[in-house]
Amino acid sequence: MSVGKIDHTRVAGGIDVSAVNATIHSIVRDIDAQLENATNNGKESITVTLPESFHVGKVTKAQAQAVIFTELITLYKSQRGFSDVTISLKRNTFNIGWSYGIPKDDYEMRMALISQHLVADEKKKVSKTS
């Protein structure tokens, strides 16, 4: 899915695909602006308040939310690679988190591998400082 282009084959009748596309495009612009601001300020998460209802055709509020929310989750998790994507139905918020650098468990695994391959005189220094 590209931004603002919902796949017609994934939605049922009664939905106005152009209204869905316009709604998603508008929300994505807001999320992307908040992401840019957050990363420029060294933050590692954003919370975006979503509209309470979406006017996207002859569907229930829950059905409209299901279409919009799943498209947003798919876009940011699967296509843009954010691993921490959550939504709160109670608070009507969309949350994205990320971290800078290497995740701690990955870093520790890499350091263990490096430690195993250090020259002899450096192994003693590493074991004394650990």
N, C-alpha and C. Protein backbone atom coordinates (compact mmCIF):
# COMPACT_ATOMS: atom_id res chain seq x y z
N MET A 1 0.84 -1.18 0.00
CA MET A 1 0.00 0.00 0.00
C MET A 1 0.88 1.23 0.00
N SER A 2 0.69 2.10 -0.94
CA SER A 2 1.36 3.38 -0.87
C SER A 2 0.45 4.32 -0.11
N VAL A 3 0.99 5.40 0.39
CA VAL A 3 0.22 6.32 1.20
C VAL A 3 -0.96 6.84 0.40
N GLY A 4 -2.16 6.74 0.98
CA GLY A 4 -3.35 7.25 0.34
C GLY A 4 -3.88 6.37 -0.78
N LYS A 5 -3.41 5.14 -0.89
CA LYS A 5 -3.88 4.24 -1.96
C LYS A 5 -4.26 2.90 -1.36
N ILE A 6 -5.46 2.82 -0.79
CA ILE A 6 -5.91 1.56 -0.21
C ILE A 6 -6.15 0.55 -1.32
N ASP A 7 -5.88 -0.68 -1.04
CA ASP A 7 -6.07 -1.77 -1.98
C ASP A 7 -7.57 -2.11 -2.05
N HIS A 8 -8.18 -1.90 -3.20
CA HIS A 8 -9.62 -2.13 -3.39
C HIS A 8 -10.02 -3.55 -3.04
N THR A 9 -9.15 -4.51 -3.21
CA THR A 9 -9.50 -5.90 -2.98
C THR A 9 -9.60 -6.23 -1.50
N ARG A 10 -9.13 -5.33 -0.62
CA ARG A 10 -9.13 -5.64 0.80
C ARG A 10 -10.28 -5.00 1.56
N VAL A 11 -11.18 -4.30 0.89
CA VAL A 11 -12.30 -3.67 1.59
C VAL A 11 -13.62 -4.13 0.99
N ALA A 12 -14.62 -4.18 1.84
CA ALA A 12 -15.94 -4.67 1.40
C ALA A 12 -16.76 -3.54 0.80
N GLY A 13 -17.89 -3.92 0.22
CA GLY A 13 -18.80 -2.93 -0.35
C GLY A 13 -19.30 -1.97 0.71
N GLY A 14 -19.76 -0.81 0.25
CA GLY A 14 -20.28 0.19 1.18
C GLY A 14 -19.23 1.19 1.60
N ILE A 15 -17.99 0.89 1.35
CA ILE A 15 -16.92 1.80 1.76
C ILE A 15 -16.55 2.69 0.58
N ASP A 16 -16.32 3.94 0.87
CA ASP A 16 -15.91 4.90 -0.15
C ASP A 16 -14.38 4.92 -0.16
N VAL A 17 -13.81 4.20 -1.11
CA VAL A 17 -12.35 4.03 -1.16
C VAL A 17 -11.63 5.37 -1.26
N SER A 18 -12.20 6.32 -2.04
CA SER A 18 -11.50 7.61 -2.13
C SER A 18 -11.54 8.35 -0.80
N ALA A 19 -12.61 8.20 -0.03
CA ALA A 19 -12.67 8.84 1.29
C ALA A 19 -11.68 8.17 2.24
N VAL A 20 -11.55 6.85 2.16
CA VAL A 20 -10.55 6.15 2.97
C VAL A 20 -9.15 6.64 2.62
N ASN A 21 -8.86 6.70 1.33
CA ASN A 21 -7.53 7.17 0.89
C ASN A 21 -7.25 8.57 1.37
N ALA A 22 -8.21 9.47 1.26
CA ALA A 22 -8.03 10.85 1.71
C ALA A 22 -7.82 10.91 3.22
N THR A 23 -8.58 10.12 3.96
CA THR A 23 -8.46 10.09 5.42
C THR A 23 -7.08 9.58 5.83
N ILE A 24 -6.66 8.47 5.24
CA ILE A 24 -5.34 7.91 5.55
C ILE A 24 -4.25 8.91 5.20
N HIS A 25 -4.35 9.51 4.04
CA HIS A 25 -3.33 10.48 3.61
C HIS A 25 -3.21 11.63 4.61
N SER A 26 -4.33 12.13 5.07
CA SER A 26 -4.34 13.23 6.04
C SER A 26 -3.70 12.81 7.37
N ILE A 27 -4.08 11.64 7.86
CA ILE A 27 -3.52 11.15 9.13
C ILE A 27 -2.02 10.89 8.98
N VAL A 28 -1.60 10.30 7.87
CA VAL A 28 -0.19 10.00 7.64
C VAL A 28 0.64 11.30 7.60
N ARG A 29 0.10 12.34 6.98
CA ARG A 29 0.81 13.63 6.96
C ARG A 29 1.04 14.12 8.38
N ASP A 30 0.03 14.01 9.24
CA ASP A 30 0.15 14.43 10.63
C ASP A 30 1.17 13.57 11.38
N ILE A 31 1.06 12.25 11.22
CA ILE A 31 2.00 11.33 11.90
C ILE A 31 3.42 11.61 11.44
N ASP A 32 3.63 11.75 10.13
CA ASP A 32 4.97 11.99 9.61
C ASP A 32 5.56 13.31 10.11
N ALA A 33 4.73 14.34 10.21
CA ALA A 33 5.21 15.62 10.75
C ALA A 33 5.63 15.46 12.21
N GLN A 34 4.84 14.71 12.97
CA GLN A 34 5.20 14.48 14.37
C GLN A 34 6.44 13.60 14.50
N LEU A 35 6.59 12.62 13.61
CA LEU A 35 7.81 11.80 13.61
C LEU A 35 9.04 12.64 13.33
N GLU A 36 8.94 13.51 12.34
CA GLU A 36 10.08 14.37 12.00
C GLU A 36 10.44 15.29 13.16
N ASN A 37 9.44 15.89 13.77
CA ASN A 37 9.68 16.77 14.91
C ASN A 37 10.31 15.99 16.08
N ALA A 38 9.79 14.81 16.35
CA ALA A 38 10.30 14.00 17.46
C ALA A 38 11.75 13.58 17.23
N THR A 39 12.05 13.13 16.03
CA THR A 39 13.43 12.69 15.76
C THR A 39 14.40 13.87 15.76
N ASN A 40 13.94 15.03 15.30
CA ASN A 40 14.79 16.23 15.34
C ASN A 40 15.08 16.68 16.76
N ASN A 41 14.21 16.30 17.69
CA ASN A 41 14.38 16.68 19.09
C ASN A 41 14.86 15.53 19.98
N GLY A 42 15.35 14.45 19.36
CA GLY A 42 15.92 13.33 20.10
C GLY A 42 14.94 12.46 20.84
N LYS A 43 13.67 12.57 20.53
CA LYS A 43 12.67 11.75 21.21
C LYS A 43 12.63 10.36 20.56
N GLU A 44 12.03 9.42 21.26
CA GLU A 44 11.97 8.04 20.78
C GLU A 44 10.55 7.50 20.69
N SER A 45 9.56 8.39 20.71
CA SER A 45 8.18 7.94 20.55
C SER A 45 7.28 9.13 20.25
N ILE A 46 6.15 8.80 19.67
CA ILE A 46 5.10 9.80 19.48
C ILE A 46 3.75 9.15 19.80
N THR A 47 2.81 9.98 20.18
CA THR A 47 1.42 9.56 20.36
C THR A 47 0.57 10.56 19.60
N VAL A 48 -0.21 10.04 18.68
CA VAL A 48 -1.05 10.88 17.82
C VAL A 48 -2.51 10.58 18.15
N THR A 49 -3.26 11.61 18.44
CA THR A 49 -4.69 11.44 18.67
C THR A 49 -5.39 11.32 17.32
N LEU A 50 -6.17 10.28 17.18
CA LEU A 50 -6.89 10.02 15.93
C LEU A 50 -8.31 10.56 16.04
N PRO A 51 -8.93 10.85 14.90
CA PRO A 51 -10.34 11.25 14.94
C PRO A 51 -11.19 10.15 15.57
N GLU A 52 -12.29 10.55 16.20
CA GLU A 52 -13.17 9.57 16.84
C GLU A 52 -13.96 8.77 15.82
N SER A 53 -14.29 9.40 14.71
CA SER A 53 -15.04 8.67 13.68
C SER A 53 -14.54 9.10 12.30
N PHE A 54 -14.81 8.26 11.34
CA PHE A 54 -14.37 8.49 9.97
C PHE A 54 -15.58 8.39 9.05
N HIS A 55 -15.73 9.35 8.17
CA HIS A 55 -16.84 9.34 7.23
C HIS A 55 -16.33 8.76 5.91
N VAL A 56 -16.42 7.45 5.82
CA VAL A 56 -15.82 6.75 4.67
C VAL A 56 -16.82 5.84 3.96
N GLY A 57 -18.08 6.20 4.02
CA GLY A 57 -19.08 5.40 3.31
C GLY A 57 -20.12 4.84 4.24
N LYS A 58 -20.86 3.88 3.73
CA LYS A 58 -21.99 3.28 4.46
C LYS A 58 -21.52 2.08 5.26
N VAL A 59 -20.73 2.37 6.27
CA VAL A 59 -20.21 1.34 7.16
C VAL A 59 -20.36 1.84 8.59
N THR A 60 -20.30 0.93 9.53
CA THR A 60 -20.40 1.32 10.94
C THR A 60 -19.10 2.01 11.37
N LYS A 61 -19.19 2.69 12.50
CA LYS A 61 -18.02 3.35 13.07
C LYS A 61 -16.90 2.34 13.29
N ALA A 62 -17.24 1.19 13.85
CA ALA A 62 -16.23 0.15 14.12
C ALA A 62 -15.59 -0.36 12.83
N GLN A 63 -16.40 -0.53 11.79
CA GLN A 63 -15.84 -1.00 10.52
C GLN A 63 -14.91 0.04 9.90
N ALA A 64 -15.31 1.31 9.96
CA ALA A 64 -14.45 2.37 9.43
C ALA A 64 -13.14 2.42 10.20
N GLN A 65 -13.22 2.34 11.53
CA GLN A 65 -12.00 2.34 12.34
C GLN A 65 -11.13 1.15 11.99
N ALA A 66 -11.73 -0.01 11.81
CA ALA A 66 -10.95 -1.21 11.48
C ALA A 66 -10.17 -1.02 10.19
N VAL A 67 -10.80 -0.45 9.19
CA VAL A 67 -10.12 -0.22 7.91
C VAL A 67 -8.98 0.79 8.08
N ILE A 68 -9.27 1.93 8.69
CA ILE A 68 -8.26 2.98 8.84
C ILE A 68 -7.11 2.50 9.73
N PHE A 69 -7.44 1.92 10.87
CA PHE A 69 -6.40 1.52 11.82
C PHE A 69 -5.49 0.44 11.25
N THR A 70 -6.08 -0.55 10.56
CA THR A 70 -5.23 -1.61 10.01
C THR A 70 -4.32 -1.08 8.91
N GLU A 71 -4.81 -0.14 8.13
CA GLU A 71 -3.95 0.46 7.10
C GLU A 71 -2.79 1.22 7.74
N LEU A 72 -3.04 1.95 8.81
CA LEU A 72 -1.97 2.70 9.49
C LEU A 72 -0.95 1.75 10.12
N ILE A 73 -1.45 0.71 10.80
CA ILE A 73 -0.54 -0.26 11.42
C ILE A 73 0.33 -0.92 10.35
N THR A 74 -0.29 -1.35 9.26
CA THR A 74 0.45 -2.00 8.18
C THR A 74 1.51 -1.06 7.60
N LEU A 75 1.13 0.17 7.38
CA LEU A 75 2.07 1.14 6.80
C LEU A 75 3.28 1.35 7.69
N TYR A 76 3.07 1.63 8.97
CA TYR A 76 4.19 1.98 9.84
C TYR A 76 4.96 0.76 10.35
N LYS A 77 4.31 -0.35 10.52
CA LYS A 77 5.01 -1.54 11.01
C LYS A 77 5.66 -2.32 9.87
N SER A 78 4.88 -2.70 8.91
CA SER A 78 5.37 -3.58 7.85
C SER A 78 6.15 -2.84 6.77
N GLN A 79 5.69 -1.66 6.39
CA GLN A 79 6.32 -0.98 5.28
C GLN A 79 7.40 0.01 5.69
N ARG A 80 7.24 0.63 6.83
CA ARG A 80 8.24 1.62 7.26
C ARG A 80 9.17 1.07 8.34
N GLY A 81 8.88 -0.12 8.84
CA GLY A 81 9.82 -0.82 9.70
C GLY A 81 9.83 -0.44 11.17
N PHE A 82 8.84 0.25 11.66
CA PHE A 82 8.77 0.54 13.10
C PHE A 82 8.30 -0.71 13.81
N SER A 83 9.07 -1.16 14.81
CA SER A 83 8.68 -2.39 15.50
C SER A 83 7.70 -2.13 16.63
N ASP A 84 7.69 -0.92 17.17
CA ASP A 84 6.82 -0.59 18.30
C ASP A 84 5.68 0.29 17.80
N VAL A 85 4.63 -0.34 17.33
CA VAL A 85 3.44 0.36 16.83
C VAL A 85 2.25 -0.17 17.61
N THR A 86 1.57 0.73 18.33
CA THR A 86 0.40 0.32 19.10
C THR A 86 -0.73 1.31 18.88
N ILE A 87 -1.92 0.87 19.22
CA ILE A 87 -3.09 1.72 19.11
C ILE A 87 -3.93 1.56 20.37
N SER A 88 -4.49 2.64 20.85
CA SER A 88 -5.39 2.58 21.99
C SER A 88 -6.79 2.93 21.51
N LEU A 89 -7.69 1.97 21.58
CA LEU A 89 -9.07 2.23 21.19
C LEU A 89 -9.79 3.09 22.23
N LYS A 90 -9.42 2.93 23.50
CA LYS A 90 -10.03 3.73 24.57
C LYS A 90 -9.65 5.21 24.44
N ARG A 91 -8.37 5.46 24.22
CA ARG A 91 -7.88 6.85 24.15
C ARG A 91 -7.86 7.38 22.72
N ASN A 92 -8.13 6.51 21.76
CA ASN A 92 -8.13 6.88 20.35
C ASN A 92 -6.79 7.46 19.93
N THR A 93 -5.73 6.74 20.29
CA THR A 93 -4.38 7.20 19.95
C THR A 93 -3.61 6.15 19.18
N PHE A 94 -2.70 6.62 18.38
CA PHE A 94 -1.80 5.79 17.59
C PHE A 94 -0.40 6.10 18.09
N ASN A 95 0.34 5.08 18.49
CA ASN A 95 1.64 5.27 19.12
C ASN A 95 2.73 4.58 18.32
N ILE A 96 3.84 5.28 18.15
CA ILE A 96 5.00 4.70 17.47
C ILE A 96 6.21 4.98 18.35
N GLY A 97 7.00 3.93 18.58
CA GLY A 97 8.23 4.07 19.35
C GLY A 97 9.40 3.50 18.57
N TRP A 98 10.57 4.01 18.86
CA TRP A 98 11.78 3.53 18.22
C TRP A 98 12.94 3.82 19.15
N SER A 99 14.09 3.28 18.85
CA SER A 99 15.27 3.57 19.66
C SER A 99 16.43 3.85 18.73
N TYR A 100 17.35 4.60 19.26
CA TYR A 100 18.55 4.92 18.51
C TYR A 100 19.63 3.91 18.87
N GLY A 101 20.50 3.62 17.94
CA GLY A 101 21.58 2.69 18.21
C GLY A 101 21.14 1.25 18.08
N ILE A 102 21.96 0.37 18.60
CA ILE A 102 21.72 -1.07 18.51
C ILE A 102 20.95 -1.51 19.75
N PRO A 103 19.94 -2.35 19.60
CA PRO A 103 19.24 -2.88 20.78
C PRO A 103 20.22 -3.57 21.72
N LYS A 104 19.96 -3.45 23.03
CA LYS A 104 20.87 -3.96 24.06
C LYS A 104 21.25 -5.42 23.86
N ASP A 105 20.28 -6.29 23.59
CA ASP A 105 20.59 -7.72 23.43
C ASP A 105 21.48 -7.97 22.21
N ASP A 106 21.27 -7.21 21.14
CA ASP A 106 22.11 -7.33 19.95
C ASP A 106 23.53 -6.85 20.26
N TYR A 107 23.64 -5.74 20.98
CA TYR A 107 24.95 -5.20 21.35
C TYR A 107 25.72 -6.21 22.22
N GLU A 108 25.04 -6.78 23.21
CA GLU A 108 25.69 -7.76 24.09
C GLU A 108 26.15 -8.99 23.33
N MET A 109 25.36 -9.47 22.39
CA MET A 109 25.74 -10.61 21.57
C MET A 109 26.99 -10.28 20.75
N ARG A 110 27.03 -9.09 20.18
CA ARG A 110 28.17 -8.68 19.37
C ARG A 110 29.44 -8.54 20.22
N MET A 111 29.27 -7.97 21.42
CA MET A 111 30.42 -7.82 22.31
C MET A 111 30.95 -9.17 22.77
N ALA A 112 30.07 -10.14 23.00
CA ALA A 112 30.50 -11.48 23.39
C ALA A 112 31.31 -12.12 22.27
N LEU A 113 30.87 -11.94 21.03
CA LEU A 113 31.61 -12.48 19.89
C LEU A 113 32.98 -11.81 19.76
N ILE A 114 33.01 -10.50 19.94
CA ILE A 114 34.28 -9.78 19.87
C ILE A 114 35.21 -10.27 20.97
N SER A 115 34.69 -10.43 22.19
CA SER A 115 35.50 -10.89 23.32
C SER A 115 36.14 -12.25 23.05
N GLN A 116 35.42 -13.11 22.36
CA GLN A 116 35.93 -14.44 22.03
C GLN A 116 37.08 -14.38 21.03
N HIS A 117 37.22 -13.29 20.34
CA HIS A 117 38.22 -13.20 19.28
C HIS A 117 39.27 -12.13 19.53
N LEU A 118 39.37 -11.67 20.75
CA LEU A 118 40.39 -10.69 21.09
C LEU A 118 41.76 -11.35 21.19
N VAL A 119 42.79 -10.57 20.91
CA VAL A 119 44.15 -11.08 21.12
C VAL A 119 44.35 -11.29 22.62
N ALA A 120 45.26 -12.17 22.99
CA ALA A 120 45.43 -12.63 24.36
C ALA A 120 45.58 -11.50 25.38
N ASP A 121 46.46 -10.52 25.11
CA ASP A 121 46.68 -9.49 26.12
C ASP A 121 45.45 -8.57 26.31
N GLU A 122 44.59 -8.49 25.34
CA GLU A 122 43.38 -7.67 25.49
C GLU A 122 42.27 -8.45 26.22
N LYS A 123 42.29 -9.76 26.17
CA LYS A 123 41.27 -10.55 26.86
C LYS A 123 41.36 -10.32 28.36
N LYS A 124 42.58 -10.22 28.88
CA LYS A 124 42.75 -10.00 30.32
C LYS A 124 42.17 -8.66 30.73
N LYS A 125 42.35 -7.63 29.91
CA LYS A 125 41.83 -6.30 30.23
C LYS A 125 40.29 -6.31 30.22
N VAL A 126 39.72 -6.99 29.26
CA VAL A 126 38.25 -7.05 29.17
C VAL A 126 37.68 -7.80 30.37
N SER A 127 38.28 -8.92 30.75
CA SER A 127 37.75 -9.69 31.87
C SER A 127 37.92 -8.94 33.19
N LYS A 128 38.97 -8.12 33.34
CA LYS A 128 39.15 -7.35 34.57
C LYS A 128 38.18 -6.18 34.66
N THR A 129 37.77 -5.63 33.53
CA THR A 129 36.88 -4.47 33.55
C THR A 129 35.42 -4.86 33.48
N SER A 130 35.13 -6.12 33.22
CA SER A 130 33.73 -6.56 33.10
C SER A 130 33.09 -6.70 34.45
